[in-house]
Amino acid sequence: MITSNILALILKLSALKQYDFAEQVGISQAALSRYISGEREIPHEVAARIMAKIGDHNLFLLQTYDSGLKTAGADIKNRMRGRD
């Protein structure tokens, strides 16, 4: 599954502008912006096109990275609030 956070990472790592990335996967720049902001869910067919472009192995790595960041972030917040 491609979340808005993962899509933002994919865009950043691609070093493309939103317009160019959107064109590569067959969507408008406005739609891409809405997916990244979380305003709209990423449709399955769009996610499938993105996965075909980036490769399943890269998506797996990005999901692992994103999950690790969320876990670390929650732990840091708790520690900073004295709940370690």
N, C-alpha and C. Protein backbone atom coordinates (compact mmCIF):
# COMPACT_ATOMS: atom_id res chain seq x y z
N MET A 1 0.83 -1.18 0.00
CA MET A 1 0.00 0.00 0.00
C MET A 1 0.88 1.25 0.00
N ILE A 2 0.50 2.20 -0.80
CA ILE A 2 1.24 3.46 -0.86
C ILE A 2 0.44 4.51 -0.09
N THR A 3 1.02 5.00 0.99
CA THR A 3 0.39 6.06 1.78
C THR A 3 0.85 7.41 1.26
N SER A 4 0.25 8.46 1.78
CA SER A 4 0.66 9.81 1.37
C SER A 4 2.11 10.07 1.77
N ASN A 5 2.54 9.58 2.95
CA ASN A 5 3.93 9.76 3.38
C ASN A 5 4.89 9.05 2.43
N ILE A 6 4.55 7.84 2.06
CA ILE A 6 5.41 7.07 1.16
C ILE A 6 5.44 7.72 -0.21
N LEU A 7 4.30 8.20 -0.68
CA LEU A 7 4.27 8.88 -1.97
C LEU A 7 5.16 10.11 -1.95
N ALA A 8 5.13 10.86 -0.86
CA ALA A 8 6.00 12.04 -0.74
C ALA A 8 7.47 11.63 -0.78
N LEU A 9 7.82 10.51 -0.13
CA LEU A 9 9.19 10.00 -0.17
C LEU A 9 9.58 9.58 -1.59
N ILE A 10 8.68 8.90 -2.27
CA ILE A 10 8.95 8.46 -3.64
C ILE A 10 9.21 9.67 -4.52
N LEU A 11 8.37 10.69 -4.40
CA LEU A 11 8.55 11.90 -5.19
C LEU A 11 9.90 12.54 -4.90
N LYS A 12 10.24 12.67 -3.62
CA LYS A 12 11.52 13.28 -3.24
C LYS A 12 12.69 12.48 -3.80
N LEU A 13 12.65 11.17 -3.64
CA LEU A 13 13.75 10.33 -4.11
C LEU A 13 13.85 10.28 -5.63
N SER A 14 12.74 10.51 -6.31
CA SER A 14 12.76 10.50 -7.78
C SER A 14 13.45 11.73 -8.35
N ALA A 15 13.56 12.78 -7.53
CA ALA A 15 14.16 14.06 -7.95
C ALA A 15 13.41 14.69 -9.12
N LEU A 16 12.12 14.37 -9.22
CA LEU A 16 11.27 14.97 -10.25
C LEU A 16 10.38 16.03 -9.62
N LYS A 17 9.96 16.96 -10.42
CA LYS A 17 8.94 17.92 -9.98
C LYS A 17 7.59 17.20 -10.01
N GLN A 18 6.64 17.70 -9.22
CA GLN A 18 5.32 17.06 -9.16
C GLN A 18 4.72 16.87 -10.55
N TYR A 19 4.81 17.89 -11.38
CA TYR A 19 4.22 17.81 -12.72
C TYR A 19 4.81 16.65 -13.51
N ASP A 20 6.15 16.53 -13.49
CA ASP A 20 6.83 15.48 -14.26
C ASP A 20 6.52 14.09 -13.70
N PHE A 21 6.51 13.97 -12.39
CA PHE A 21 6.18 12.69 -11.77
C PHE A 21 4.75 12.28 -12.13
N ALA A 22 3.83 13.23 -12.00
CA ALA A 22 2.42 12.96 -12.30
C ALA A 22 2.26 12.50 -13.75
N GLU A 23 2.97 13.16 -14.64
CA GLU A 23 2.90 12.80 -16.06
C GLU A 23 3.40 11.36 -16.27
N GLN A 24 4.45 10.98 -15.56
CA GLN A 24 5.02 9.63 -15.68
C GLN A 24 4.02 8.54 -15.28
N VAL A 25 3.16 8.85 -14.30
CA VAL A 25 2.21 7.84 -13.82
C VAL A 25 0.79 8.07 -14.34
N GLY A 26 0.63 9.04 -15.22
CA GLY A 26 -0.65 9.23 -15.89
C GLY A 26 -1.74 9.90 -15.08
N ILE A 27 -1.34 10.83 -14.20
CA ILE A 27 -2.31 11.59 -13.43
C ILE A 27 -1.99 13.08 -13.54
N SER A 28 -2.89 13.92 -13.06
CA SER A 28 -2.61 15.35 -13.08
C SER A 28 -1.75 15.74 -11.88
N GLN A 29 -1.09 16.86 -12.00
CA GLN A 29 -0.30 17.38 -10.88
C GLN A 29 -1.21 17.69 -9.70
N ALA A 30 -2.41 18.18 -9.97
CA ALA A 30 -3.37 18.50 -8.91
C ALA A 30 -3.76 17.23 -8.13
N ALA A 31 -3.99 16.14 -8.86
CA ALA A 31 -4.34 14.88 -8.20
C ALA A 31 -3.17 14.40 -7.33
N LEU A 32 -1.96 14.48 -7.87
CA LEU A 32 -0.78 14.07 -7.11
C LEU A 32 -0.67 14.88 -5.82
N SER A 33 -0.87 16.17 -5.92
CA SER A 33 -0.80 17.04 -4.76
C SER A 33 -1.84 16.63 -3.71
N ARG A 34 -3.03 16.28 -4.14
CA ARG A 34 -4.09 15.85 -3.21
C ARG A 34 -3.74 14.52 -2.54
N TYR A 35 -3.11 13.62 -3.28
CA TYR A 35 -2.69 12.33 -2.71
C TYR A 35 -1.60 12.55 -1.66
N ILE A 36 -0.64 13.41 -1.97
CA ILE A 36 0.46 13.67 -1.04
C ILE A 36 -0.03 14.35 0.23
N SER A 37 -0.96 15.27 0.09
CA SER A 37 -1.47 15.99 1.26
C SER A 37 -2.42 15.14 2.10
N GLY A 38 -2.87 14.01 1.54
CA GLY A 38 -3.82 13.15 2.25
C GLY A 38 -5.26 13.58 2.06
N GLU A 39 -5.46 14.59 1.23
CA GLU A 39 -6.81 15.07 0.95
C GLU A 39 -7.65 14.01 0.24
N ARG A 40 -6.98 13.21 -0.57
CA ARG A 40 -7.65 12.11 -1.29
C ARG A 40 -6.82 10.84 -1.13
N GLU A 41 -7.52 9.71 -1.11
CA GLU A 41 -6.83 8.42 -1.08
C GLU A 41 -6.27 8.11 -2.45
N ILE A 42 -5.17 7.39 -2.47
CA ILE A 42 -4.55 7.00 -3.73
C ILE A 42 -5.32 5.81 -4.29
N PRO A 43 -5.93 5.95 -5.47
CA PRO A 43 -6.67 4.83 -6.05
C PRO A 43 -5.75 3.64 -6.33
N HIS A 44 -6.32 2.45 -6.24
CA HIS A 44 -5.54 1.23 -6.45
C HIS A 44 -4.82 1.25 -7.80
N GLU A 45 -5.51 1.69 -8.85
CA GLU A 45 -4.88 1.66 -10.18
C GLU A 45 -3.71 2.64 -10.27
N VAL A 46 -3.78 3.76 -9.57
CA VAL A 46 -2.67 4.72 -9.56
C VAL A 46 -1.51 4.13 -8.76
N ALA A 47 -1.81 3.54 -7.61
CA ALA A 47 -0.78 2.89 -6.81
C ALA A 47 -0.08 1.79 -7.60
N ALA A 48 -0.85 1.04 -8.37
CA ALA A 48 -0.27 -0.04 -9.19
C ALA A 48 0.68 0.52 -10.24
N ARG A 49 0.33 1.64 -10.85
CA ARG A 49 1.22 2.26 -11.85
C ARG A 49 2.50 2.78 -11.20
N ILE A 50 2.36 3.35 -10.01
CA ILE A 50 3.55 3.83 -9.30
C ILE A 50 4.45 2.66 -8.93
N MET A 51 3.85 1.58 -8.41
CA MET A 51 4.63 0.40 -8.05
C MET A 51 5.34 -0.19 -9.26
N ALA A 52 4.68 -0.20 -10.40
CA ALA A 52 5.30 -0.71 -11.62
C ALA A 52 6.51 0.13 -12.00
N LYS A 53 6.43 1.43 -11.76
CA LYS A 53 7.55 2.32 -12.09
C LYS A 53 8.71 2.16 -11.13
N ILE A 54 8.41 2.07 -9.81
CA ILE A 54 9.50 2.09 -8.83
C ILE A 54 10.00 0.71 -8.44
N GLY A 55 9.21 -0.32 -8.65
CA GLY A 55 9.61 -1.68 -8.28
C GLY A 55 9.10 -2.05 -6.90
N ASP A 56 8.61 -3.28 -6.77
CA ASP A 56 8.07 -3.77 -5.50
C ASP A 56 9.11 -3.72 -4.38
N HIS A 57 10.36 -4.05 -4.71
CA HIS A 57 11.41 -4.08 -3.68
C HIS A 57 11.63 -2.68 -3.09
N ASN A 58 11.57 -1.65 -3.93
CA ASN A 58 11.74 -0.29 -3.41
C ASN A 58 10.56 0.13 -2.55
N LEU A 59 9.36 -0.27 -2.93
CA LEU A 59 8.19 0.04 -2.11
C LEU A 59 8.32 -0.62 -0.74
N PHE A 60 8.76 -1.87 -0.72
CA PHE A 60 8.96 -2.58 0.55
C PHE A 60 9.94 -1.82 1.44
N LEU A 61 11.06 -1.38 0.86
CA LEU A 61 12.06 -0.64 1.64
C LEU A 61 11.49 0.67 2.18
N LEU A 62 10.73 1.37 1.36
CA LEU A 62 10.13 2.63 1.80
C LEU A 62 9.09 2.41 2.89
N GLN A 63 8.32 1.33 2.79
CA GLN A 63 7.33 1.02 3.83
C GLN A 63 8.03 0.71 5.15
N THR A 64 9.12 -0.03 5.08
CA THR A 64 9.89 -0.37 6.28
C THR A 64 10.47 0.89 6.90
N TYR A 65 11.02 1.76 6.07
CA TYR A 65 11.60 3.02 6.53
C TYR A 65 10.53 3.89 7.19
N ASP A 66 9.39 4.04 6.54
CA ASP A 66 8.31 4.88 7.06
C ASP A 66 7.79 4.33 8.39
N SER A 67 7.63 3.02 8.48
CA SER A 67 7.16 2.40 9.72
C SER A 67 8.16 2.63 10.85
N GLY A 68 9.44 2.51 10.53
CA GLY A 68 10.48 2.74 11.54
C GLY A 68 10.47 4.17 12.04
N LEU A 69 10.25 5.12 11.15
CA LEU A 69 10.19 6.52 11.55
C LEU A 69 9.02 6.78 12.49
N LYS A 70 7.88 6.17 12.19
CA LYS A 70 6.70 6.36 13.05
C LYS A 70 6.95 5.78 14.44
N THR A 71 7.57 4.61 14.50
CA THR A 71 7.86 3.98 15.78
C THR A 71 8.86 4.82 16.57
N ALA A 72 9.92 5.26 15.90
CA ALA A 72 10.93 6.09 16.57
C ALA A 72 10.31 7.41 17.03
N GLY A 73 9.48 8.00 16.19
CA GLY A 73 8.84 9.27 16.55
C GLY A 73 7.98 9.15 17.79
N ALA A 74 7.20 8.08 17.87
CA ALA A 74 6.35 7.86 19.05
C ALA A 74 7.20 7.67 20.30
N ASP A 75 8.29 6.92 20.19
CA ASP A 75 9.16 6.68 21.33
C ASP A 75 9.83 7.98 21.78
N ILE A 76 10.30 8.77 20.84
CA ILE A 76 10.95 10.05 21.18
C ILE A 76 9.96 10.98 21.89
N LYS A 77 8.73 11.05 21.38
CA LYS A 77 7.72 11.91 22.02
C LYS A 77 7.48 11.47 23.46
N ASN A 78 7.34 10.16 23.67
CA ASN A 78 7.12 9.65 25.02
C ASN A 78 8.30 9.96 25.93
N ARG A 79 9.51 9.79 25.44
CA ARG A 79 10.70 10.05 26.25
C ARG A 79 10.83 11.53 26.59
N MET A 80 10.51 12.38 25.64
CA MET A 80 10.61 13.82 25.88
C MET A 80 9.54 14.30 26.86
N ARG A 81 8.47 13.55 26.98
CA ARG A 81 7.40 13.88 27.93
C ARG A 81 7.59 13.15 29.26
N GLY A 82 8.72 12.47 29.40
CA GLY A 82 9.03 11.79 30.65
C GLY A 82 8.29 10.49 30.86
N ARG A 83 7.84 9.87 29.77
CA ARG A 83 7.10 8.60 29.88
C ARG A 83 7.89 7.43 29.32
N ASP A 84 9.16 7.40 29.57
CA ASP A 84 9.98 6.31 29.05
C ASP A 84 9.90 5.15 29.99
